[in-house]
Amino acid sequence: LRAAAEGGRAVVLFPMKAVLFEVAQAFAEMTRQCGGTEQTRVIDPRSRERPYGGDFDAGGASFRWGVCYGAEHDAGMRAVEQAGFLAECNVLLCTPDKLGENAGGSSSEQMVR
């Protein structure tokens, strides 16, 4: 995350979706505690909101983070990608298999260059 704090961008890979989701929940909590703006959607009324991204300031740096869950079966993820939110992120959280998948036709890796 040092690269993002210094004005660059970072892609943070997680070995599985469950770990990604827990880290995304932690980022969402940091966003709420720091008074930032959060992007969430309720996918299934029986479950918690799914965080898609947000922004917060910490340690003198500004972070705009996003999560790439893969858009093929996730209408909320498609909406976030099509709105251009991920292209504005300096921290992208994803699993290796989702790094190249998104609704916009470009890879997530290209979106953060």
Foldseek 3Di string as FASTA:
>chain_A
DVQQQVPAAEEAADADPVVLQVVLVVVVVVCVVQVKDWQWDDPDPVDDIGTAWIWGDDPNGIFTEGEQPADPPPVSQQVCVVVLSLLPGRYYYYHVVQQQHYDVNGGSVVSRD
